[in-house]
């Protein structure tokens, strides 16, 4: 009997908590951002969301429990079953992941709600674009493509490491530069029939900035 009462109390608490969360949402899109990493990407987007004063009841950042791009998309699918999000962004790298293409194909088949915010070779390329445009390949060197990008970024942000906090605040003044450079890099890659280098993180960043702008209108 006691365990039954405890179960019902916990269930009621969970229902009330979900109700409070729904009531606290703002009148704009609900967005799920699923990240491959548990450090760099979640830290960046959480800092950005806080800086833009966006409602975390509307915009959720969830690190995937796997670094495999395909598993990340499946993780996003499972998370989307818990709540009806308007948009679901999957943030992942190509680097040397052999399931990268499978992840992109799965996203294409899931409908317009699912958007790939992928980077080639990795998220650090998006960060590099804050400092200038670059169309040089990261593949074919002695190190992994991801390590090549990190090494280049360390020249722009001395001491950079994936667990570092405050990266967004260091470079947020250059966000418009990064958006312009991403557009240029993506166009150049498409014209060359390649994806190296490129990034779709700009799509997600633009969406968050758009919400902030609409709030101020």
C-alpha atoms as a PDB file:
ATOM      1  CA  UNK A   1       0.000   0.000   0.000  1.00  0.00           C
ATOM      2  CA  UNK A   2       2.791   2.405   0.965  1.00  0.00           C
ATOM      3  CA  UNK A   3       4.673   1.767  -2.278  1.00  0.00           C
ATOM      4  CA  UNK A   4       1.479   2.345  -4.278  1.00  0.00           C
ATOM      5  CA  UNK A   5       0.956   5.718  -2.607  1.00  0.00           C
ATOM      6  CA  UNK A   6       4.569   6.639  -3.294  1.00  0.00           C
ATOM      7  CA  UNK A   7       4.133   5.694  -6.967  1.00  0.00           C
ATOM      8  CA  UNK A   8       1.015   7.842  -7.326  1.00  0.00           C
ATOM      9  CA  UNK A   9       2.691  10.787  -5.569  1.00  0.00           C
ATOM     10  CA  UNK A  10       5.679  10.600  -7.916  1.00  0.00           C
ATOM     11  CA  UNK A  11       3.413  10.298 -10.945  1.00  0.00           C
ATOM     12  CA  UNK A  12       1.381  13.326  -9.832  1.00  0.00           C
ATOM     13  CA  UNK A  13       4.604  15.272  -9.232  1.00  0.00           C
ATOM     14  CA  UNK A  14       5.846  14.459 -12.757  1.00  0.00           C
ATOM     15  CA  UNK A  15       2.521  15.477 -14.295  1.00  0.00           C
ATOM     16  CA  UNK A  16       2.528  18.759 -12.367  1.00  0.00           C
ATOM     17  CA  UNK A  17       6.126  19.428 -13.373  1.00  0.00           C
ATOM     18  CA  UNK A  18       5.316  18.914 -17.065  1.00  0.00           C
ATOM     19  CA  UNK A  19       2.297  21.203 -16.677  1.00  0.00           C
ATOM     20  CA  UNK A  20       4.448  23.942 -15.132  1.00  0.00           C
ATOM     21  CA  UNK A  21       6.998  23.598 -17.926  1.00  0.00           C
ATOM     22  CA  UNK A  22       4.297  23.934 -20.582  1.00  0.00           C
ATOM     23  CA  UNK A  23       2.803  26.954 -18.841  1.00  0.00           C
ATOM     24  CA  UNK A  24       6.191  28.673 -18.679  1.00  0.00           C
ATOM     25  CA  UNK A  25       6.855  28.454 -22.408  1.00  0.00           C
ATOM     26  CA  UNK A  26       7.006  31.599 -24.502  1.00  0.00           C
ATOM     27  CA  UNK A  27       4.964  32.298 -27.611  1.00  0.00           C
ATOM     28  CA  UNK A  28       7.598  31.181 -30.100  1.00  0.00           C
ATOM     29  CA  UNK A  29       8.944  27.971 -31.572  1.00  0.00           C
ATOM     30  CA  UNK A  30       9.990  25.037 -29.460  1.00  0.00           C
ATOM     31  CA  UNK A  31      13.377  23.747 -30.555  1.00  0.00           C
ATOM     32  CA  UNK A  32      15.391  20.681 -29.639  1.00  0.00           C
ATOM     33  CA  UNK A  33      19.141  20.912 -30.256  1.00  0.00           C
ATOM     34  CA  UNK A  34      20.885  17.545 -30.033  1.00  0.00           C
ATOM     35  CA  UNK A  35      24.681  17.736 -29.996  1.00  0.00           C
ATOM     36  CA  UNK A  36      27.295  15.106 -30.736  1.00  0.00           C
ATOM     37  CA  UNK A  37      29.675  16.305 -28.068  1.00  0.00           C
ATOM     38  CA  UNK A  38      29.042  16.648 -24.355  1.00  0.00           C
ATOM     39  CA  UNK A  39      31.312  19.680 -24.064  1.00  0.00           C
ATOM     40  CA  UNK A  40      32.027  22.141 -26.872  1.00  0.00           C
ATOM     41  CA  UNK A  41      28.703  22.214 -28.697  1.00  0.00           C
ATOM     42  CA  UNK A  42      26.329  22.139 -25.690  1.00  0.00           C
ATOM     43  CA  UNK A  43      28.393  24.798 -23.910  1.00  0.00           C
ATOM     44  CA  UNK A  44      28.373  27.047 -26.986  1.00  0.00           C
ATOM     45  CA  UNK A  45      24.627  26.829 -27.575  1.00  0.00           C
ATOM     46  CA  UNK A  46      23.663  27.106 -23.918  1.00  0.00           C
ATOM     47  CA  UNK A  47      25.807  30.229 -23.612  1.00  0.00           C
ATOM     48  CA  UNK A  48      24.262  31.657 -26.754  1.00  0.00           C
ATOM     49  CA  UNK A  49      20.716  30.924 -25.586  1.00  0.00           C
ATOM     50  CA  UNK A  50      21.448  32.582 -22.241  1.00  0.00           C
ATOM     51  CA  UNK A  51      23.050  35.609 -23.905  1.00  0.00           C
ATOM     52  CA  UNK A  52      20.070  36.055 -26.235  1.00  0.00           C
ATOM     53  CA  UNK A  53      17.735  35.653 -23.246  1.00  0.00           C
ATOM     54  CA  UNK A  54      15.786  32.882 -24.958  1.00  0.00           C
ATOM     55  CA  UNK A  55      13.458  30.721 -22.918  1.00  0.00           C
ATOM     56  CA  UNK A  56      15.001  27.354 -22.043  1.00  0.00           C
ATOM     57  CA  UNK A  57      11.469  25.971 -21.754  1.00  0.00           C
ATOM     58  CA  UNK A  58      11.233  26.554 -25.510  1.00  0.00           C
ATOM     59  CA  UNK A  59      14.768  25.688 -26.541  1.00  0.00           C
ATOM     60  CA  UNK A  60      16.397  22.569 -25.151  1.00  0.00           C
ATOM     61  CA  UNK A  61      20.028  21.511 -25.656  1.00  0.00           C
ATOM     62  CA  UNK A  62      20.634  17.781 -25.246  1.00  0.00           C
ATOM     63  CA  UNK A  63      24.011  16.033 -25.611  1.00  0.00           C
ATOM     64  CA  UNK A  64      23.692  12.681 -27.370  1.00  0.00           C
ATOM     65  CA  UNK A  65      24.792   9.571 -25.510  1.00  0.00           C
ATOM     66  CA  UNK A  66      26.834   8.574 -28.578  1.00  0.00           C
ATOM     67  CA  UNK A  67      29.319  10.317 -30.871  1.00  0.00           C
ATOM     68  CA  UNK A  68      28.114   8.299 -33.861  1.00  0.00           C
ATOM     69  CA  UNK A  69      26.077  10.625 -36.142  1.00  0.00           C
ATOM     70  CA  UNK A  70      23.497   7.953 -36.919  1.00  0.00           C
ATOM     71  CA  UNK A  71      22.988   7.166 -33.241  1.00  0.00           C
ATOM     72  CA  UNK A  72      22.683  10.898 -32.567  1.00  0.00           C
ATOM     73  CA  UNK A  73      19.769  11.214 -34.992  1.00  0.00           C
ATOM     74  CA  UNK A  74      18.097   8.203 -33.402  1.00  0.00           C
ATOM     75  CA  UNK A  75      18.656   9.779 -30.003  1.00  0.00           C
ATOM     76  CA  UNK A  76      16.949  12.939 -31.307  1.00  0.00           C
ATOM     77  CA  UNK A  77      14.015  10.839 -32.511  1.00  0.00           C
ATOM     78  CA  UNK A  78      13.588   9.343 -29.056  1.00  0.00           C
ATOM     79  CA  UNK A  79      13.779  12.767 -27.408  1.00  0.00           C
ATOM     80  CA  UNK A  80      11.181  14.079 -29.845  1.00  0.00           C
ATOM     81  CA  UNK A  81       8.769  11.415 -28.600  1.00  0.00           C
ATOM     82  CA  UNK A  82       8.868  13.038 -25.152  1.00  0.00           C
ATOM     83  CA  UNK A  83       7.715  16.430 -26.405  1.00  0.00           C
ATOM     84  CA  UNK A  84       6.255  17.883 -29.602  1.00  0.00           C
ATOM     85  CA  UNK A  85       9.037  20.181 -30.835  1.00  0.00           C
ATOM     86  CA  UNK A  86       8.560  22.489 -33.805  1.00  0.00           C
ATOM     87  CA  UNK A  87      12.161  22.044 -34.964  1.00  0.00           C
ATOM     88  CA  UNK A  88      14.787  19.436 -34.171  1.00  0.00           C
ATOM     89  CA  UNK A  89      18.397  20.307 -35.004  1.00  0.00           C
ATOM     90  CA  UNK A  90      21.007  17.545 -35.115  1.00  0.00           C
ATOM     91  CA  UNK A  91      24.507  18.953 -34.581  1.00  0.00           C
ATOM     92  CA  UNK A  92      27.213  16.514 -35.621  1.00  0.00           C
ATOM     93  CA  UNK A  93      30.566  16.240 -37.411  1.00  0.00           C
ATOM     94  CA  UNK A  94      31.725  14.343 -40.443  1.00  0.00           C
ATOM     95  CA  UNK A  95      35.344  14.013 -39.290  1.00  0.00           C
ATOM     96  CA  UNK A  96      36.081  10.306 -39.843  1.00  0.00           C
ATOM     97  CA  UNK A  97      32.651   8.941 -38.888  1.00  0.00           C
ATOM     98  CA  UNK A  98      31.628   6.181 -41.274  1.00  0.00           C
ATOM     99  CA  UNK A  99      27.915   6.557 -40.392  1.00  0.00           C
ATOM    100  CA  UNK A 100      27.866  10.229 -41.378  1.00  0.00           C
ATOM    101  CA  UNK A 101      26.063   9.719 -44.713  1.00  0.00           C
ATOM    102  CA  UNK A 102      23.578   7.359 -43.072  1.00  0.00           C
ATOM    103  CA  UNK A 103      22.731  10.088 -40.559  1.00  0.00           C
ATOM    104  CA  UNK A 104      22.097  12.623 -43.320  1.00  0.00           C
ATOM    105  CA  UNK A 105      19.923  10.157 -45.229  1.00  0.00           C
ATOM    106  CA  UNK A 106      17.882   9.388 -42.131  1.00  0.00           C
ATOM    107  CA  UNK A 107      17.291  13.094 -41.457  1.00  0.00           C
ATOM    108  CA  UNK A 108      16.125  13.627 -45.042  1.00  0.00           C
ATOM    109  CA  UNK A 109      13.503  10.939 -44.527  1.00  0.00           C
ATOM    110  CA  UNK A 110      12.189  12.305 -41.228  1.00  0.00           C
ATOM    111  CA  UNK A 111      10.485  15.400 -42.596  1.00  0.00           C
ATOM    112  CA  UNK A 112      10.979  19.149 -42.424  1.00  0.00           C
ATOM    113  CA  UNK A 113      11.076  19.285 -38.612  1.00  0.00           C
ATOM    114  CA  UNK A 114      14.474  17.570 -38.590  1.00  0.00           C
ATOM    115  CA  UNK A 115      17.408  19.711 -39.701  1.00  0.00           C
ATOM    116  CA  UNK A 116      21.053  18.702 -39.997  1.00  0.00           C
ATOM    117  CA  UNK A 117      23.418  21.270 -38.515  1.00  0.00           C
ATOM    118  CA  UNK A 118      26.411  19.242 -39.621  1.00  0.00           C
ATOM    119  CA  UNK A 119      29.989  20.384 -40.085  1.00  0.00           C
ATOM    120  CA  UNK A 120      32.840  19.141 -42.249  1.00  0.00           C
ATOM    121  CA  UNK A 121      35.154  18.277 -40.724  1.00  0.00           C
ATOM    122  CA  UNK A 122      33.815  19.337 -37.310  1.00  0.00           C
ATOM    123  CA  UNK A 123      32.153  22.022 -35.186  1.00  0.00           C
ATOM    124  CA  UNK A 124      35.485  23.790 -34.769  1.00  0.00           C
ATOM    125  CA  UNK A 125      35.280  24.764 -38.438  1.00  0.00           C
ATOM    126  CA  UNK A 126      32.239  26.899 -37.583  1.00  0.00           C
ATOM    127  CA  UNK A 127      34.295  28.535 -34.827  1.00  0.00           C
ATOM    128  CA  UNK A 128      37.177  29.134 -37.241  1.00  0.00           C
ATOM    129  CA  UNK A 129      34.869  31.014 -39.607  1.00  0.00           C
ATOM    130  CA  UNK A 130      34.575  33.764 -36.994  1.00  0.00           C
ATOM    131  CA  UNK A 131      38.153  34.697 -37.857  1.00  0.00           C
ATOM    132  CA  UNK A 132      38.047  34.522 -41.646  1.00  0.00           C
ATOM    133  CA  UNK A 133      36.927  32.466 -44.609  1.00  0.00           C
ATOM    134  CA  UNK A 134      38.657  29.194 -45.376  1.00  0.00           C
ATOM    135  CA  UNK A 135      38.144  26.696 -48.182  1.00  0.00           C
ATOM    136  CA  UNK A 136      41.245  24.571 -47.587  1.00  0.00           C
ATOM    137  CA  UNK A 137      40.665  20.853 -47.131  1.00  0.00           C
ATOM    138  CA  UNK A 138      41.160  19.327 -43.696  1.00  0.00           C
ATOM    139  CA  UNK A 139      41.505  15.811 -45.083  1.00  0.00           C
ATOM    140  CA  UNK A 140      44.638  14.042 -46.261  1.00  0.00           C
ATOM    141  CA  UNK A 141      46.979  15.239 -43.528  1.00  0.00           C
ATOM    142  CA  UNK A 142      48.877  13.208 -40.965  1.00  0.00           C
ATOM    143  CA  UNK A 143      46.259  13.923 -38.294  1.00  0.00           C
ATOM    144  CA  UNK A 144      42.530  13.346 -38.248  1.00  0.00           C
ATOM    145  CA  UNK A 145      40.468  16.084 -39.966  1.00  0.00           C
ATOM    146  CA  UNK A 146      39.007  17.068 -36.601  1.00  0.00           C
ATOM    147  CA  UNK A 147      42.440  17.422 -35.011  1.00  0.00           C
ATOM    148  CA  UNK A 148      43.604  19.525 -37.960  1.00  0.00           C
ATOM    149  CA  UNK A 149      40.701  21.919 -37.391  1.00  0.00           C
ATOM    150  CA  UNK A 150      41.333  22.092 -33.632  1.00  0.00           C
ATOM    151  CA  UNK A 151      45.012  22.888 -34.218  1.00  0.00           C
ATOM    152  CA  UNK A 152      44.068  25.737 -36.559  1.00  0.00           C
ATOM    153  CA  UNK A 153      41.568  27.061 -34.039  1.00  0.00           C
ATOM    154  CA  UNK A 154      44.193  27.078 -31.280  1.00  0.00           C
ATOM    155  CA  UNK A 155      46.090  29.649 -33.341  1.00  0.00           C
ATOM    156  CA  UNK A 156      43.030  31.904 -33.164  1.00  0.00           C
ATOM    157  CA  UNK A 157      41.999  31.052 -29.595  1.00  0.00           C
ATOM    158  CA  UNK A 158      45.202  30.175 -27.692  1.00  0.00           C
ATOM    159  CA  UNK A 159      44.688  27.347 -25.252  1.00  0.00           C
ATOM    160  CA  UNK A 160      41.417  26.264 -26.823  1.00  0.00           C
ATOM    161  CA  UNK A 161      40.101  22.923 -25.609  1.00  0.00           C
ATOM    162  CA  UNK A 162      36.777  21.165 -25.983  1.00  0.00           C
ATOM    163  CA  UNK A 163      35.819  21.471 -22.317  1.00  0.00           C
ATOM    164  CA  UNK A 164      36.444  25.222 -22.263  1.00  0.00           C
ATOM    165  CA  UNK A 165      33.610  27.472 -21.143  1.00  0.00           C
ATOM    166  CA  UNK A 166      33.055  30.993 -22.436  1.00  0.00           C
ATOM    167  CA  UNK A 167      33.923  30.302 -26.079  1.00  0.00           C
ATOM    168  CA  UNK A 168      30.691  31.875 -27.281  1.00  0.00           C
ATOM    169  CA  UNK A 169      31.295  35.069 -25.313  1.00  0.00           C
ATOM    170  CA  UNK A 170      34.830  35.313 -26.717  1.00  0.00           C
ATOM    171  CA  UNK A 171      33.659  35.303 -30.331  1.00  0.00           C
ATOM    172  CA  UNK A 172      30.006  36.401 -30.299  1.00  0.00           C
ATOM    173  CA  UNK A 173      30.927  39.851 -31.654  1.00  0.00           C
ATOM    174  CA  UNK A 174      32.117  38.053 -34.805  1.00  0.00           C
ATOM    175  CA  UNK A 175      28.917  36.032 -35.335  1.00  0.00           C
ATOM    176  CA  UNK A 176      27.887  38.037 -38.415  1.00  0.00           C
ATOM    177  CA  UNK A 177      31.350  37.452 -39.882  1.00  0.00           C
ATOM    178  CA  UNK A 178      30.989  33.703 -39.311  1.00  0.00           C
ATOM    179  CA  UNK A 179      27.533  33.652 -40.909  1.00  0.00           C
ATOM    180  CA  UNK A 180      28.838  35.419 -44.013  1.00  0.00           C
ATOM    181  CA  UNK A 181      31.900  33.176 -44.209  1.00  0.00           C
ATOM    182  CA  UNK A 182      29.793  30.031 -43.802  1.00  0.00           C
ATOM    183  CA  UNK A 183      27.592  31.086 -46.698  1.00  0.00           C
ATOM    184  CA  UNK A 184      30.674  31.722 -48.819  1.00  0.00           C
ATOM    185  CA  UNK A 185      32.329  28.427 -47.851  1.00  0.00           C
ATOM    186  CA  UNK A 186      29.188  26.393 -48.483  1.00  0.00           C
ATOM    187  CA  UNK A 187      28.724  27.974 -51.917  1.00  0.00           C
ATOM    188  CA  UNK A 188      32.358  27.302 -52.819  1.00  0.00           C
ATOM    189  CA  UNK A 189      32.108  23.677 -51.687  1.00  0.00           C
ATOM    190  CA  UNK A 190      28.903  23.120 -53.652  1.00  0.00           C
ATOM    191  CA  UNK A 191      30.442  24.653 -56.774  1.00  0.00           C
ATOM    192  CA  UNK A 192      33.426  22.332 -56.410  1.00  0.00           C
ATOM    193  CA  UNK A 193      31.202  19.292 -55.920  1.00  0.00           C
ATOM    194  CA  UNK A 194      32.456  18.619 -52.403  1.00  0.00           C
ATOM    195  CA  UNK A 195      31.505  19.215 -48.785  1.00  0.00           C
ATOM    196  CA  UNK A 196      35.057  19.788 -47.536  1.00  0.00           C
ATOM    197  CA  UNK A 197      34.966  22.164 -45.795  1.00  0.00           C
ATOM    198  CA  UNK A 198      31.427  23.271 -45.031  1.00  0.00           C
ATOM    199  CA  UNK A 199      29.007  23.778 -42.156  1.00  0.00           C
ATOM    200  CA  UNK A 200      25.274  24.059 -41.631  1.00  0.00           C
ATOM    201  CA  UNK A 201      25.597  25.335 -38.068  1.00  0.00           C
ATOM    202  CA  UNK A 202      24.865  28.774 -39.519  1.00  0.00           C
ATOM    203  CA  UNK A 203      21.268  27.620 -40.139  1.00  0.00           C
ATOM    204  CA  UNK A 204      20.730  26.944 -36.439  1.00  0.00           C
ATOM    205  CA  UNK A 205      22.505  30.109 -35.300  1.00  0.00           C
ATOM    206  CA  UNK A 206      20.427  32.167 -37.739  1.00  0.00           C
ATOM    207  CA  UNK A 207      17.236  30.602 -36.358  1.00  0.00           C
ATOM    208  CA  UNK A 208      18.133  31.548 -32.784  1.00  0.00           C
ATOM    209  CA  UNK A 209      19.029  35.098 -33.831  1.00  0.00           C
ATOM    210  CA  UNK A 210      15.755  35.332 -35.742  1.00  0.00           C
ATOM    211  CA  UNK A 211      13.757  34.397 -32.646  1.00  0.00           C
ATOM    212  CA  UNK A 212      15.590  37.060 -30.637  1.00  0.00           C
ATOM    213  CA  UNK A 213      14.873  39.643 -33.334  1.00  0.00           C
ATOM    214  CA  UNK A 214      11.178  38.722 -33.438  1.00  0.00           C
ATOM    215  CA  UNK A 215      10.985  39.091 -29.666  1.00  0.00           C
ATOM    216  CA  UNK A 216      12.291  42.633 -29.950  1.00  0.00           C
ATOM    217  CA  UNK A 217       9.978  43.616 -32.828  1.00  0.00           C
END
